[in-house]
C-alpha atoms as a PDB file:
ATOM      1  CA  MET A   1     -11.654-226.602 -78.569  1.00  0.00           C
ATOM      2  CA  LYS A   2     -12.770-225.000 -81.832  1.00  0.00           C
ATOM      3  CA  VAL A   3     -10.606-222.540 -83.785  1.00  0.00           C
ATOM      4  CA  LEU A   4     -12.349-220.550 -86.532  1.00  0.00           C
ATOM      5  CA  LEU A   5     -10.336-219.221 -89.471  1.00  0.00           C
ATOM      6  CA  ALA A   6     -12.566-216.379 -90.680  1.00  0.00           C
ATOM      7  CA  THR A   7     -11.213-214.532 -93.701  1.00  0.00           C
ATOM      8  CA  THR A   8     -12.940-212.590 -96.445  1.00  0.00           C
ATOM      9  CA  LYS A   9      -9.518-212.594 -98.134  1.00  0.00           C
ATOM     10  CA  PRO A  10      -8.501-216.263 -97.837  1.00  0.00           C
ATOM     11  CA  PHE A  11      -5.031-217.436 -96.920  1.00  0.00           C
ATOM     12  CA  ALA A  12      -3.129-219.388 -99.554  1.00  0.00           C
ATOM     13  CA  LYS A  13      -3.760-223.124 -99.406  1.00  0.00           C
ATOM     14  CA  ILE A  14      -0.244-223.798 -98.130  1.00  0.00           C
ATOM     15  CA  ALA A  15      -0.874-221.366 -95.257  1.00  0.00           C
ATOM     16  CA  VAL A  16      -4.218-222.992 -94.413  1.00  0.00           C
ATOM     17  CA  ASP A  17      -2.536-226.401 -94.442  1.00  0.00           C
ATOM     18  CA  GLY A  18       0.128-225.121 -92.037  1.00  0.00           C
ATOM     19  CA  ILE A  19      -2.475-223.564 -89.749  1.00  0.00           C
ATOM     20  CA  ARG A  20      -4.486-226.786 -89.758  1.00  0.00           C
ATOM     21  CA  GLN A  21      -1.445-228.845 -88.824  1.00  0.00           C
ATOM     22  CA  VAL A  22      -0.606-226.603 -85.856  1.00  0.00           C
ATOM     23  CA  ILE A  23      -4.218-226.573 -84.626  1.00  0.00           C
ATOM     24  CA  GLU A  24      -4.901-230.276 -85.091  1.00  0.00           C
ATOM     25  CA  ASP A  25      -1.522-231.328 -83.653  1.00  0.00           C
ATOM     26  CA  ALA A  26      -2.599-229.479 -80.499  1.00  0.00           C
ATOM     27  CA  GLY A  27      -5.785-231.563 -80.399  1.00  0.00           C
ATOM     28  CA  PHE A  28      -8.069-228.712 -81.490  1.00  0.00           C
ATOM     29  CA  GLU A  29     -10.618-228.517 -84.298  1.00  0.00           C
ATOM     30  CA  LEU A  30     -10.201-226.051 -87.214  1.00  0.00           C
ATOM     31  CA  ALA A  31     -13.255-224.585 -88.962  1.00  0.00           C
ATOM     32  CA  LEU A  32     -13.032-222.434 -92.102  1.00  0.00           C
ATOM     33  CA  LEU A  33     -15.153-219.445 -93.114  1.00  0.00           C
ATOM     34  CA  GLU A  34     -13.643-218.049 -96.300  1.00  0.00           C
ATOM     35  CA  LYS A  35     -14.801-215.409 -98.798  1.00  0.00           C
ATOM     36  CA  TYR A  36     -17.941-214.699 -96.792  1.00  0.00           C
ATOM     37  CA  THR A  37     -19.908-211.678 -98.022  1.00  0.00           C
ATOM     38  CA  GLU A  38     -22.487-211.219 -95.260  1.00  0.00           C
ATOM     39  CA  LYS A  39     -21.793-210.422 -91.619  1.00  0.00           C
ATOM     40  CA  SER A  40     -24.536-212.863 -90.672  1.00  0.00           C
ATOM     41  CA  ALA A  41     -22.300-215.704 -91.855  1.00  0.00           C
ATOM     42  CA  LEU A  42     -19.578-214.577 -89.470  1.00  0.00           C
ATOM     43  CA  LEU A  43     -22.034-214.187 -86.578  1.00  0.00           C
ATOM     44  CA  GLU A  44     -23.297-217.721 -87.131  1.00  0.00           C
ATOM     45  CA  ALA A  45     -19.786-219.176 -87.419  1.00  0.00           C
ATOM     46  CA  VAL A  46     -18.454-217.591 -84.217  1.00  0.00           C
ATOM     47  CA  ALA A  47     -21.307-218.902 -82.059  1.00  0.00           C
ATOM     48  CA  ASP A  48     -19.377-221.980 -80.893  1.00  0.00           C
ATOM     49  CA  ALA A  49     -15.795-220.812 -81.561  1.00  0.00           C
ATOM     50  CA  ASP A  50     -13.224-220.709 -78.759  1.00  0.00           C
ATOM     51  CA  ALA A  51     -10.650-218.881 -80.875  1.00  0.00           C
ATOM     52  CA  ILE A  52     -10.629-216.901 -84.131  1.00  0.00           C
ATOM     53  CA  ILE A  53      -7.894-216.158 -86.646  1.00  0.00           C
ATOM     54  CA  ILE A  54      -8.644-213.184 -88.889  1.00  0.00           C
ATOM     55  CA  ARG A  55      -6.949-210.882 -91.377  1.00  0.00           C
ATOM     56  CA  SER A  56      -8.691-207.578 -92.162  1.00  0.00           C
ATOM     57  CA  ASP A  57     -12.079-208.843 -90.994  1.00  0.00           C
ATOM     58  CA  ILE A  58     -14.088-206.545 -88.708  1.00  0.00           C
ATOM     59  CA  ILE A  59     -14.550-207.962 -85.227  1.00  0.00           C
ATOM     60  CA  ASP A  60     -16.847-205.589 -83.363  1.00  0.00           C
ATOM     61  CA  ALA A  61     -19.134-205.668 -80.336  1.00  0.00           C
ATOM     62  CA  GLU A  62     -21.846-207.512 -82.278  1.00  0.00           C
ATOM     63  CA  VAL A  63     -19.403-210.311 -83.093  1.00  0.00           C
ATOM     64  CA  PHE A  64     -18.258-210.561 -79.479  1.00  0.00           C
ATOM     65  CA  ASP A  65     -21.899-210.693 -78.342  1.00  0.00           C
ATOM     66  CA  ALA A  66     -22.501-213.616 -80.698  1.00  0.00           C
ATOM     67  CA  ALA A  67     -19.348-215.500 -79.679  1.00  0.00           C
ATOM     68  CA  LYS A  68     -20.317-216.798 -76.241  1.00  0.00           C
ATOM     69  CA  GLN A  69     -17.367-219.206 -75.928  1.00  0.00           C
ATOM     70  CA  LEU A  70     -14.709-216.958 -77.412  1.00  0.00           C
ATOM     71  CA  LYS A  71     -11.407-216.700 -75.538  1.00  0.00           C
ATOM     72  CA  ILE A  72      -8.956-215.253 -78.058  1.00  0.00           C
ATOM     73  CA  VAL A  73      -8.837-213.412 -81.395  1.00  0.00           C
ATOM     74  CA  VAL A  74      -5.572-213.277 -83.335  1.00  0.00           C
ATOM     75  CA  ARG A  75      -5.134-210.819 -86.162  1.00  0.00           C
ATOM     76  CA  ALA A  76      -2.692-212.371 -88.638  1.00  0.00           C
ATOM     77  CA  GLY A  77      -0.729-209.203 -89.270  1.00  0.00           C
ATOM     78  CA  ALA A  78       0.611-206.193 -87.431  1.00  0.00           C
ATOM     79  CA  GLY A  79      -2.316-203.746 -87.479  1.00  0.00           C
ATOM     80  CA  TYR A  80      -5.351-204.528 -85.352  1.00  0.00           C
ATOM     81  CA  ASP A  81      -7.602-201.477 -85.709  1.00  0.00           C
ATOM     82  CA  ASN A  82     -10.241-203.756 -87.272  1.00  0.00           C
ATOM     83  CA  VAL A  83     -10.855-205.271 -83.817  1.00  0.00           C
ATOM     84  CA  ASP A  84     -12.873-203.427 -81.165  1.00  0.00           C
ATOM     85  CA  LEU A  85     -10.464-203.762 -78.249  1.00  0.00           C
ATOM     86  CA  ALA A  86     -12.814-202.231 -75.701  1.00  0.00           C
ATOM     87  CA  ALA A  87     -15.541-204.714 -76.626  1.00  0.00           C
ATOM     88  CA  ALA A  88     -13.040-207.564 -76.477  1.00  0.00           C
ATOM     89  CA  THR A  89     -11.904-206.563 -73.004  1.00  0.00           C
ATOM     90  CA  ALA A  90     -15.507-206.169 -71.839  1.00  0.00           C
ATOM     91  CA  HIS A  91     -16.186-209.743 -73.003  1.00  0.00           C
ATOM     92  CA  GLY A  92     -12.998-211.092 -71.401  1.00  0.00           C
ATOM     93  CA  VAL A  93     -11.433-211.929 -74.775  1.00  0.00           C
ATOM     94  CA  CYS A  94      -7.688-211.712 -75.426  1.00  0.00           C
ATOM     95  CA  VAL A  95      -6.697-209.994 -78.685  1.00  0.00           C
ATOM     96  CA  MET A  96      -3.288-210.542 -80.276  1.00  0.00           C
ATOM     97  CA  ASN A  97      -1.503-209.534 -83.452  1.00  0.00           C
ATOM     98  CA  THR A  98       1.479-211.223 -85.139  1.00  0.00           C
ATOM     99  CA  PRO A  99       4.097-208.452 -85.292  1.00  0.00           C
ATOM    100  CA  GLY A 100       7.017-208.843 -87.661  1.00  0.00           C
ATOM    101  CA  GLN A 101       5.581-211.638 -89.793  1.00  0.00           C
ATOM    102  CA  ASN A 102       4.659-209.292 -92.659  1.00  0.00           C
ATOM    103  CA  ALA A 103       7.477-206.807 -92.084  1.00  0.00           C
ATOM    104  CA  ASN A 104       9.796-207.749 -94.936  1.00  0.00           C
ATOM    105  CA  ALA A 105       6.930-207.983 -97.415  1.00  0.00           C
ATOM    106  CA  VAL A 106       5.740-204.475 -96.565  1.00  0.00           C
ATOM    107  CA  ALA A 107       9.278-203.088 -96.617  1.00  0.00           C
ATOM    108  CA  GLU A 108       9.947-204.509-100.064  1.00  0.00           C
ATOM    109  CA  LEU A 109       6.727-202.928-101.338  1.00  0.00           C
ATOM    110  CA  VAL A 110       7.900-199.555 -99.972  1.00  0.00           C
ATOM    111  CA  PHE A 111      10.854-199.716-102.332  1.00  0.00           C
ATOM    112  CA  GLY A 112       8.713-200.880-105.224  1.00  0.00           C
ATOM    113  CA  LEU A 113       6.613-197.743-104.731  1.00  0.00           C
ATOM    114  CA  MET A 114       9.663-195.543-104.213  1.00  0.00           C
ATOM    115  CA  VAL A 115      11.431-196.692-107.379  1.00  0.00           C
ATOM    116  CA  PHE A 116       8.165-196.367-109.308  1.00  0.00           C
ATOM    117  CA  ALA A 117       7.873-192.753-108.120  1.00  0.00           C
ATOM    118  CA  VAL A 118      11.420-191.631-108.882  1.00  0.00           C
ATOM    119  CA  ARG A 119      11.270-193.236-112.333  1.00  0.00           C
ATOM    120  CA  ASN A 120       8.204-191.102-113.072  1.00  0.00           C
ATOM    121  CA  PHE A 121       5.816-194.062-112.961  1.00  0.00           C
ATOM    122  CA  TYR A 122       7.643-195.616-115.925  1.00  0.00           C
ATOM    123  CA  ASN A 123       6.203-193.051-118.336  1.00  0.00           C
ATOM    124  CA  GLY A 124       9.265-193.071-120.569  1.00  0.00           C
ATOM    125  CA  THR A 125      10.858-189.885-119.224  1.00  0.00           C
ATOM    126  CA  SER A 126      14.162-189.570-117.380  1.00  0.00           C
ATOM    127  CA  GLY A 127      13.924-190.113-113.633  1.00  0.00           C
ATOM    128  CA  THR A 128      16.340-190.135-110.716  1.00  0.00           C
ATOM    129  CA  GLU A 129      18.074-192.718-108.521  1.00  0.00           C
ATOM    130  CA  LEU A 130      17.779-193.555-104.843  1.00  0.00           C
ATOM    131  CA  MET A 131      21.498-193.909-104.195  1.00  0.00           C
ATOM    132  CA  GLY A 132      22.851-191.055-102.096  1.00  0.00           C
ATOM    133  CA  LYS A 133      19.401-189.694-101.237  1.00  0.00           C
ATOM    134  CA  LYS A 134      18.237-189.250 -97.645  1.00  0.00           C
ATOM    135  CA  LEU A 135      15.368-191.379 -96.358  1.00  0.00           C
ATOM    136  CA  GLY A 136      13.457-190.652 -93.164  1.00  0.00           C
ATOM    137  CA  ILE A 137      11.631-193.536 -91.513  1.00  0.00           C
ATOM    138  CA  HIS A 138       8.695-192.304 -89.426  1.00  0.00           C
ATOM    139  CA  ALA A 139       8.230-194.957 -86.701  1.00  0.00           C
ATOM    140  CA  PHE A 140      10.934-197.557 -86.222  1.00  0.00           C
ATOM    141  CA  GLY A 141       9.072-200.792 -85.595  1.00  0.00           C
ATOM    142  CA  ASN A 142       9.443-204.111 -87.400  1.00  0.00           C
ATOM    143  CA  VAL A 143       8.611-202.702 -90.826  1.00  0.00           C
ATOM    144  CA  GLY A 144      10.694-199.571 -90.319  1.00  0.00           C
ATOM    145  CA  ARG A 145      13.739-201.659 -89.421  1.00  0.00           C
ATOM    146  CA  ASN A 146      13.355-203.736 -92.562  1.00  0.00           C
ATOM    147  CA  VAL A 147      12.997-200.559 -94.619  1.00  0.00           C
ATOM    148  CA  ALA A 148      16.272-199.331 -93.100  1.00  0.00           C
ATOM    149  CA  ARG A 149      18.014-202.601 -93.976  1.00  0.00           C
ATOM    150  CA  ILE A 150      16.901-202.458 -97.608  1.00  0.00           C
ATOM    151  CA  ALA A 151      17.649-198.728 -97.913  1.00  0.00           C
ATOM    152  CA  LYS A 152      21.284-199.364 -97.020  1.00  0.00           C
ATOM    153  CA  GLY A 153      21.463-201.788 -99.944  1.00  0.00           C
ATOM    154  CA  PHE A 154      20.284-199.001-102.219  1.00  0.00           C
ATOM    155  CA  GLY A 155      23.066-196.783-100.868  1.00  0.00           C
ATOM    156  CA  MET A 156      20.679-194.320 -99.240  1.00  0.00           C
ATOM    157  CA  GLU A 157      21.431-192.199 -96.200  1.00  0.00           C
ATOM    158  CA  VAL A 158      18.992-193.471 -93.562  1.00  0.00           C
ATOM    159  CA  CYS A 159      17.549-191.745 -90.521  1.00  0.00           C
ATOM    160  CA  ALA A 160      14.526-192.377 -88.326  1.00  0.00           C
ATOM    161  CA  TYR A 161      12.276-190.770 -85.758  1.00  0.00           C
ATOM    162  CA  ASP A 162      10.102-192.655 -83.305  1.00  0.00           C
ATOM    163  CA  ALA A 163       8.674-190.947 -80.236  1.00  0.00           C
ATOM    164  CA  TYR A 164       8.506-194.286 -78.419  1.00  0.00           C
ATOM    165  CA  CYS A 165      11.760-195.913 -79.519  1.00  0.00           C
ATOM    166  CA  PRO A 166      14.968-194.944 -77.679  1.00  0.00           C
ATOM    167  CA  LYS A 167      17.591-193.224 -79.811  1.00  0.00           C
ATOM    168  CA  GLU A 168      20.184-195.826 -78.879  1.00  0.00           C
ATOM    169  CA  VAL A 169      17.985-198.614 -80.295  1.00  0.00           C
ATOM    170  CA  ILE A 170      17.738-196.760 -83.619  1.00  0.00           C
ATOM    171  CA  GLU A 171      21.474-196.101 -83.647  1.00  0.00           C
ATOM    172  CA  GLN A 172      22.259-199.744 -82.853  1.00  0.00           C
ATOM    173  CA  ALA A 173      20.600-200.575 -86.182  1.00  0.00           C
ATOM    174  CA  GLY A 174      23.084-198.299 -87.946  1.00  0.00           C
ATOM    175  CA  VAL A 175      20.483-195.595 -88.508  1.00  0.00           C
ATOM    176  CA  GLN A 176      20.760-191.913 -87.619  1.00  0.00           C
ATOM    177  CA  ALA A 177      18.277-191.065 -84.838  1.00  0.00           C
ATOM    178  CA  MET A 178      16.663-187.657 -85.340  1.00  0.00           C
ATOM    179  CA  ASP A 179      16.024-185.355 -82.382  1.00  0.00           C
ATOM    180  CA  SER A 180      12.589-184.315 -83.633  1.00  0.00           C
ATOM    181  CA  VAL A 181      10.087-185.241 -86.299  1.00  0.00           C
ATOM    182  CA  GLU A 182      10.407-181.728 -87.733  1.00  0.00           C
ATOM    183  CA  GLN A 183      14.164-182.165 -88.161  1.00  0.00           C
ATOM    184  CA  MET A 184      13.624-185.380 -90.101  1.00  0.00           C
ATOM    185  CA  TYR A 185      11.103-183.878 -92.498  1.00  0.00           C
ATOM    186  CA  LYS A 186      13.314-180.833 -93.108  1.00  0.00           C
ATOM    187  CA  GLU A 187      16.326-182.973 -94.004  1.00  0.00           C
ATOM    188  CA  CYS A 188      14.796-185.895 -95.934  1.00  0.00           C
ATOM    189  CA  GLN A 189      13.724-185.954 -99.567  1.00  0.00           C
ATOM    190  CA  PHE A 190      12.060-189.306 -98.923  1.00  0.00           C
ATOM    191  CA  ILE A 191       9.749-190.175 -96.028  1.00  0.00           C
ATOM    192  CA  SER A 192       8.402-193.687 -95.356  1.00  0.00           C
ATOM    193  CA  LEU A 193       5.446-193.793 -92.975  1.00  0.00           C
ATOM    194  CA  HIS A 194       4.926-196.650 -90.509  1.00  0.00           C
ATOM    195  CA  LEU A 195       2.640-195.149 -87.878  1.00  0.00           C
ATOM    196  CA  PRO A 196      -0.414-196.956 -86.497  1.00  0.00           C
ATOM    197  CA  ALA A 197      -3.805-195.228 -86.626  1.00  0.00           C
ATOM    198  CA  THR A 198      -4.388-193.888 -83.105  1.00  0.00           C
ATOM    199  CA  ASP A 199      -6.000-190.800 -81.596  1.00  0.00           C
ATOM    200  CA  GLU A 200      -2.528-189.286 -81.517  1.00  0.00           C
ATOM    201  CA  THR A 201      -1.567-190.056 -85.123  1.00  0.00           C
ATOM    202  CA  ARG A 202      -4.788-189.583 -87.107  1.00  0.00           C
ATOM    203  CA  GLY A 203      -4.310-186.657 -89.478  1.00  0.00           C
ATOM    204  CA  SER A 204      -0.854-185.972 -88.057  1.00  0.00           C
ATOM    205  CA  ILE A 205       0.914-186.213 -91.426  1.00  0.00           C
ATOM    206  CA  ASN A 206      -0.175-182.797 -92.570  1.00  0.00           C
ATOM    207  CA  ALA A 207       0.829-179.849 -94.725  1.00  0.00           C
ATOM    208  CA  GLU A 208       3.028-178.394 -92.004  1.00  0.00           C
ATOM    209  CA  LEU A 209       5.202-181.499 -91.807  1.00  0.00           C
ATOM    210  CA  ILE A 210       5.309-182.447 -95.481  1.00  0.00           C
ATOM    211  CA  GLY A 211       5.756-178.797 -96.421  1.00  0.00           C
ATOM    212  CA  MET A 212       9.094-178.822 -94.582  1.00  0.00           C
ATOM    213  CA  MET A 213      10.509-181.448 -96.948  1.00  0.00           C
ATOM    214  CA  PRO A 214      13.174-180.531 -99.519  1.00  0.00           C
ATOM    215  CA  LYS A 215      12.469-180.099-103.232  1.00  0.00           C
ATOM    216  CA  ASN A 216      11.305-183.212-105.117  1.00  0.00           C
ATOM    217  CA  ALA A 217       9.913-184.771-101.967  1.00  0.00           C
ATOM    218  CA  VAL A 218       8.442-188.290-102.070  1.00  0.00           C
ATOM    219  CA  VAL A 219       6.074-189.499 -99.343  1.00  0.00           C
ATOM    220  CA  VAL A 220       5.419-193.249 -99.117  1.00  0.00           C
ATOM    221  CA  ASN A 221       2.551-194.534 -96.968  1.00  0.00           C
ATOM    222  CA  SER A 222       2.369-198.263 -96.272  1.00  0.00           C
ATOM    223  CA  ALA A 223       0.731-197.845 -92.870  1.00  0.00           C
ATOM    224  CA  ARG A 224      -2.842-196.522 -92.486  1.00  0.00           C
ATOM    225  CA  LYS A 225      -4.732-193.958 -94.552  1.00  0.00           C
ATOM    226  CA  GLU A 226      -6.089-192.254 -91.435  1.00  0.00           C
ATOM    227  CA  ILE A 227      -2.665-190.842 -90.531  1.00  0.00           C
ATOM    228  CA  ILE A 228      -2.715-188.580 -93.617  1.00  0.00           C
ATOM    229  CA  ASN A 229      -4.510-185.236 -93.486  1.00  0.00           C
ATOM    230  CA  GLU A 230      -5.761-185.633 -97.041  1.00  0.00           C
ATOM    231  CA  GLU A 231      -7.285-182.178 -97.522  1.00  0.00           C
ATOM    232  CA  GLU A 232      -4.088-180.486 -96.398  1.00  0.00           C
ATOM    233  CA  LEU A 233      -1.927-182.756 -98.561  1.00  0.00           C
ATOM    234  CA  ILE A 234      -4.069-182.019-101.622  1.00  0.00           C
ATOM    235  CA  ALA A 235      -3.760-178.273-101.000  1.00  0.00           C
ATOM    236  CA  LEU A 236      -0.001-178.561-100.488  1.00  0.00           C
ATOM    237  CA  MET A 237       0.515-180.620-103.655  1.00  0.00           C
ATOM    238  CA  GLN A 238      -1.398-177.963-105.581  1.00  0.00           C
ATOM    239  CA  GLU A 239       1.039-175.359-104.238  1.00  0.00           C
ATOM    240  CA  ARG A 240       4.146-177.502-104.707  1.00  0.00           C
ATOM    241  CA  ALA A 241       4.367-179.300-108.038  1.00  0.00           C
ATOM    242  CA  ASP A 242       7.505-181.156-106.899  1.00  0.00           C
ATOM    243  CA  ILE A 243       5.847-183.402-104.283  1.00  0.00           C
ATOM    244  CA  LYS A 244       4.936-187.017-105.063  1.00  0.00           C
ATOM    245  CA  PHE A 245       2.677-189.205-102.918  1.00  0.00           C
ATOM    246  CA  VAL A 246       2.608-192.994-103.309  1.00  0.00           C
ATOM    247  CA  THR A 247       0.544-195.179-101.038  1.00  0.00           C
ATOM    248  CA  ASP A 248      -0.458-198.762-100.365  1.00  0.00           C
ATOM    249  CA  ILE A 249      -3.729-197.574 -98.835  1.00  0.00           C
ATOM    250  CA  GLN A 250      -6.211-195.934-101.175  1.00  0.00           C
ATOM    251  CA  PRO A 251      -7.107-192.508 -99.727  1.00  0.00           C
ATOM    252  CA  SER A 252     -10.677-191.494 -98.977  1.00  0.00           C
ATOM    253  CA  ASN A 253     -10.180-188.759-101.617  1.00  0.00           C
ATOM    254  CA  ALA A 254      -8.574-191.100-104.155  1.00  0.00           C
ATOM    255  CA  ALA A 255     -10.561-189.714-107.108  1.00  0.00           C
ATOM    256  CA  LYS A 256      -9.432-186.176-106.308  1.00  0.00           C
ATOM    257  CA  PHE A 257      -5.784-187.203-106.015  1.00  0.00           C
ATOM    258  CA  GLU A 258      -6.022-189.002-109.360  1.00  0.00           C
ATOM    259  CA  GLU A 259      -7.731-186.069-111.066  1.00  0.00           C
ATOM    260  CA  LEU A 260      -5.325-183.412-109.809  1.00  0.00           C
ATOM    261  CA  PHE A 261      -2.022-185.287-109.635  1.00  0.00           C
ATOM    262  CA  ALA A 262      -2.066-188.025-112.267  1.00  0.00           C
ATOM    263  CA  ASP A 263       1.707-187.761-112.748  1.00  0.00           C
ATOM    264  CA  ARG A 264       2.601-187.391-109.031  1.00  0.00           C
ATOM    265  CA  TYR A 265       0.284-189.798-107.223  1.00  0.00           C
ATOM    266  CA  PHE A 266      -0.202-193.548-107.164  1.00  0.00           C
ATOM    267  CA  SER A 267      -2.192-195.922-104.977  1.00  0.00           C
ATOM    268  CA  THR A 268      -2.371-199.690-105.100  1.00  0.00           C
ATOM    269  CA  PRO A 269      -5.951-200.843-105.810  1.00  0.00           C
ATOM    270  CA  LYS A 270      -6.080-202.492-102.375  1.00  0.00           C
ATOM    271  CA  LYS A 271      -3.653-202.835 -99.486  1.00  0.00           C
ATOM    272  CA  MET A 272      -0.962-205.134-100.821  1.00  0.00           C
ATOM    273  CA  GLY A 273       1.961-204.785 -98.403  1.00  0.00           C
ATOM    274  CA  ALA A 274       1.452-208.202 -96.844  1.00  0.00           C
ATOM    275  CA  GLN A 275       0.263-209.877-100.049  1.00  0.00           C
ATOM    276  CA  THR A 276       3.128-212.304-100.544  1.00  0.00           C
ATOM    277  CA  ALA A 277       3.137-216.065-100.217  1.00  0.00           C
ATOM    278  CA  GLU A 278       5.803-215.876 -97.541  1.00  0.00           C
ATOM    279  CA  ALA A 279       4.023-213.295 -95.385  1.00  0.00           C
ATOM    280  CA  ASN A 280       0.742-215.138 -95.812  1.00  0.00           C
ATOM    281  CA  ILE A 281       2.259-218.352 -94.486  1.00  0.00           C
ATOM    282  CA  ASN A 282       4.308-216.718 -91.723  1.00  0.00           C
ATOM    283  CA  ALA A 283       1.438-214.669 -90.262  1.00  0.00           C
ATOM    284  CA  GLY A 284      -1.101-217.499 -90.438  1.00  0.00           C
ATOM    285  CA  ILE A 285       1.113-220.076 -88.756  1.00  0.00           C
ATOM    286  CA  ALA A 286       2.243-217.550 -86.141  1.00  0.00           C
ATOM    287  CA  ALA A 287      -1.415-216.867 -85.333  1.00  0.00           C
ATOM    288  CA  ALA A 288      -2.100-220.588 -84.926  1.00  0.00           C
ATOM    289  CA  ASN A 289       0.918-221.047 -82.652  1.00  0.00           C
ATOM    290  CA  GLN A 290      -0.122-218.076 -80.519  1.00  0.00           C
ATOM    291  CA  ILE A 291      -3.589-219.532 -80.029  1.00  0.00           C
ATOM    292  CA  VAL A 292      -2.136-222.870 -78.951  1.00  0.00           C
ATOM    293  CA  GLY A 293       0.285-221.127 -76.595  1.00  0.00           C
ATOM    294  CA  PHE A 294      -2.508-219.067 -75.066  1.00  0.00           C
ATOM    295  CA  ILE A 295      -4.971-221.933 -74.614  1.00  0.00           C
ATOM    296  CA  LYS A 296      -2.445-224.485 -73.336  1.00  0.00           C
ATOM    297  CA  ASP A 297       0.082-222.324 -71.469  1.00  0.00           C
ATOM    298  CA  GLY A 298      -1.632-218.973 -70.896  1.00  0.00           C
ATOM    299  CA  CYS A 299       1.002-217.153 -72.973  1.00  0.00           C
ATOM    300  CA  THR A 300      -0.058-213.524 -73.590  1.00  0.00           C
ATOM    301  CA  LYS A 301       3.173-212.209 -75.163  1.00  0.00           C
ATOM    302  CA  PHE A 302       1.465-210.502 -78.109  1.00  0.00           C
ATOM    303  CA  MET A 303      -1.721-209.432 -76.330  1.00  0.00           C
ATOM    304  CA  VAL A 304      -2.776-205.903 -77.371  1.00  0.00           C
ATOM    305  CA  ASN A 305      -5.756-205.243 -75.069  1.00  0.00           C
ATOM    306  CA  ARG A 306      -4.071-205.481 -71.680  1.00  0.00           C
END
């Protein structure tokens, strides 16, 4: 049984060592394909693989066609929009993610971005504090719950809206559950976005929603760039000089944001939410354990293409 670790952005050595131990202790073989630059290298490597662990690598129909023995793909992380689920299902391949393993890392980055924004990007001028301010968490999954936990430590008032999470679950976490997304945006100076990129959410964070926010609004995106309606946000920020936008996903119109809003916009150079040693190790080892559980016991707990 061959497990391929295919990553253009390699795991840390300690994570690879942990993955190898899990895989080899199960009696499987681990093969590495790291820092590859051509898709042809991936297509060649998957030819005899039974399982693949990936990060942000693109696994599309062409890859599934080349991987004749493939049984499972595990994305080491929460998001899995880099995997063609329809193609996977058509080829009889199980796709999993590793939810929660990167959650604290992403949540901590949210507050790094938020503090950076309210302190005026450390430009030497007087900023504001987070204590006592109201934060709205848009989608209350693993990352959102960690954001709520940290926000309480900052002394913020915390609320959340999630169309698919029962109000009582949100309230059990000590967070105010909002009746509607519009209510949350109207009441919160700070919004932290944690929505996946789906047909329903793409472009849904638009001028209408953000325009409802109070004065000196700060929008933090650590989810997916596709959820932002960039043209509408640019137009709104031109109308309202009080809005700041900080993101861990460089927008498609990054140059325009930088040109127009140098003092109100910031993007990390690449997605960095999960870029910690701890998250790297946790997600990689979780992926390895899920592969072993699937192959040996048929466990499909984290399967996303049911």
